[in-house]
Amino acid sequence: MSVQERKQRERAERERLIVATARELAERQGWEAVTTRRLAERIEYSQPVLYSHFRGKREIIGAVALEGAAEMAAAVRAATAAADGPRARVAAL
């Protein structure tokens, strides 16, 4: 593995950590609890590290929303995969 590949992997892992931590904070305390300062403290990085991945809180919230939408789409596909026909797919939901 090259240094560049390792850095890309570490960057992706940090982004996942930021998004997961923001989601956890929002689920437990509401979106008002999700601040860049609090996120930085929770993940033990500085705020500039957050800003090297996301432009700000709104972008982090957007990433959380996209992740949730992807999970919902996967759940719908799984629930309707075995259904035969449109009515059965709706009933499976």
Protein backbone atom coordinates (compact mmCIF):
# COMPACT_ATOMS: atom_id res chain seq x y z
CA MET A 1 0.00 0.00 0.00
CA SER A 2 1.34 3.39 -0.95
CA VAL A 3 1.48 6.40 1.34
CA GLN A 4 -1.17 8.12 -0.78
CA GLU A 5 -3.54 5.14 -0.46
CA ARG A 6 -3.03 5.08 3.30
CA LYS A 7 -3.75 8.81 3.56
CA GLN A 8 -6.92 8.42 1.47
CA ARG A 9 -8.06 5.55 3.69
CA GLU A 10 -7.36 7.54 6.86
CA ARG A 11 -9.23 10.56 5.44
CA ALA A 12 -12.26 8.41 4.61
CA GLU A 13 -12.15 6.89 8.11
CA ARG A 14 -12.07 10.37 9.69
CA GLU A 15 -15.05 11.44 7.59
CA ARG A 16 -16.99 8.35 8.67
CA LEU A 17 -16.09 9.11 12.29
CA ILE A 18 -17.28 12.71 11.98
CA VAL A 19 -20.58 11.68 10.38
CA ALA A 20 -21.18 8.85 12.86
CA THR A 21 -20.44 11.13 15.81
CA ALA A 22 -22.73 13.86 14.47
CA ARG A 23 -25.50 11.32 14.00
CA GLU A 24 -25.04 9.95 17.50
CA LEU A 25 -25.13 13.44 19.03
CA ALA A 26 -28.26 14.34 17.06
CA GLU A 27 -30.03 11.11 18.04
CA ARG A 28 -29.23 11.59 21.73
CA GLN A 29 -29.46 15.36 22.17
CA GLY A 30 -30.99 16.85 19.02
CA TRP A 31 -29.45 18.75 16.12
CA GLU A 32 -28.80 21.84 18.23
CA ALA A 33 -26.22 19.76 20.13
CA VAL A 34 -24.27 19.13 16.93
CA THR A 35 -21.63 21.85 16.79
CA THR A 36 -18.22 21.71 15.21
CA ARG A 37 -16.65 22.41 18.58
CA ARG A 38 -18.49 19.54 20.26
CA LEU A 39 -17.75 17.19 17.35
CA ALA A 40 -14.06 18.07 17.47
CA GLU A 41 -13.98 17.38 21.21
CA ARG A 42 -15.79 14.06 20.81
CA ILE A 43 -13.54 12.73 18.06
CA GLU A 44 -10.41 14.20 19.66
CA TYR A 45 -9.38 16.29 16.67
CA SER A 46 -9.19 20.05 16.26
CA GLN A 47 -11.93 22.05 14.54
CA PRO A 48 -9.65 22.77 11.56
CA VAL A 49 -9.53 19.02 10.93
CA LEU A 50 -13.33 19.02 10.65
CA TYR A 51 -13.15 21.93 8.22
CA SER A 52 -10.61 20.05 6.11
CA HIS A 53 -13.35 17.46 5.50
CA PHE A 54 -16.55 19.53 5.56
CA ARG A 55 -17.28 23.24 5.02
CA GLY A 56 -19.29 23.42 8.21
CA LYS A 57 -22.14 22.06 10.27
CA ARG A 58 -24.63 22.20 7.39
CA GLU A 59 -22.43 20.02 5.22
CA ILE A 60 -21.95 17.53 8.06
CA ILE A 61 -25.72 17.39 8.57
CA GLY A 62 -26.10 16.84 4.83
CA ALA A 63 -23.70 13.89 5.01
CA VAL A 64 -25.70 12.43 7.90
CA ALA A 65 -28.91 12.86 5.90
CA LEU A 66 -27.42 11.18 2.82
CA GLU A 67 -26.24 8.27 4.94
CA GLY A 68 -29.71 7.91 6.46
CA ALA A 69 -31.36 8.05 3.03
CA ALA A 70 -29.02 5.34 1.74
CA GLU A 71 -29.86 3.15 4.73
CA MET A 72 -33.58 3.69 4.16
CA ALA A 73 -33.27 2.85 0.46
CA ALA A 74 -31.41 -0.35 1.31
CA ALA A 75 -34.10 -1.30 3.84
CA VAL A 76 -36.84 -0.70 1.26
CA ARG A 77 -34.99 -2.81 -1.33
CA ALA A 78 -34.51 -5.61 1.19
CA ALA A 79 -38.15 -5.50 2.29
CA THR A 80 -39.49 -5.61 -1.26
CA ALA A 81 -36.94 -7.92 -2.89
CA ALA A 82 -38.97 -11.10 -2.52
CA ALA A 83 -42.34 -9.49 -3.25
CA ASP A 84 -44.06 -10.49 -6.46
CA GLY A 85 -45.66 -7.51 -8.14
CA PRO A 86 -46.33 -3.90 -7.18
CA ARG A 87 -49.08 -4.60 -4.64
CA ALA A 88 -46.98 -7.15 -2.82
CA ARG A 89 -44.06 -4.70 -2.73
CA VAL A 90 -46.27 -2.01 -1.19
CA ALA A 91 -47.65 -4.52 1.31
CA ALA A 92 -44.09 -5.57 2.23
CA LEU A 93 -43.31 -2.02 3.27
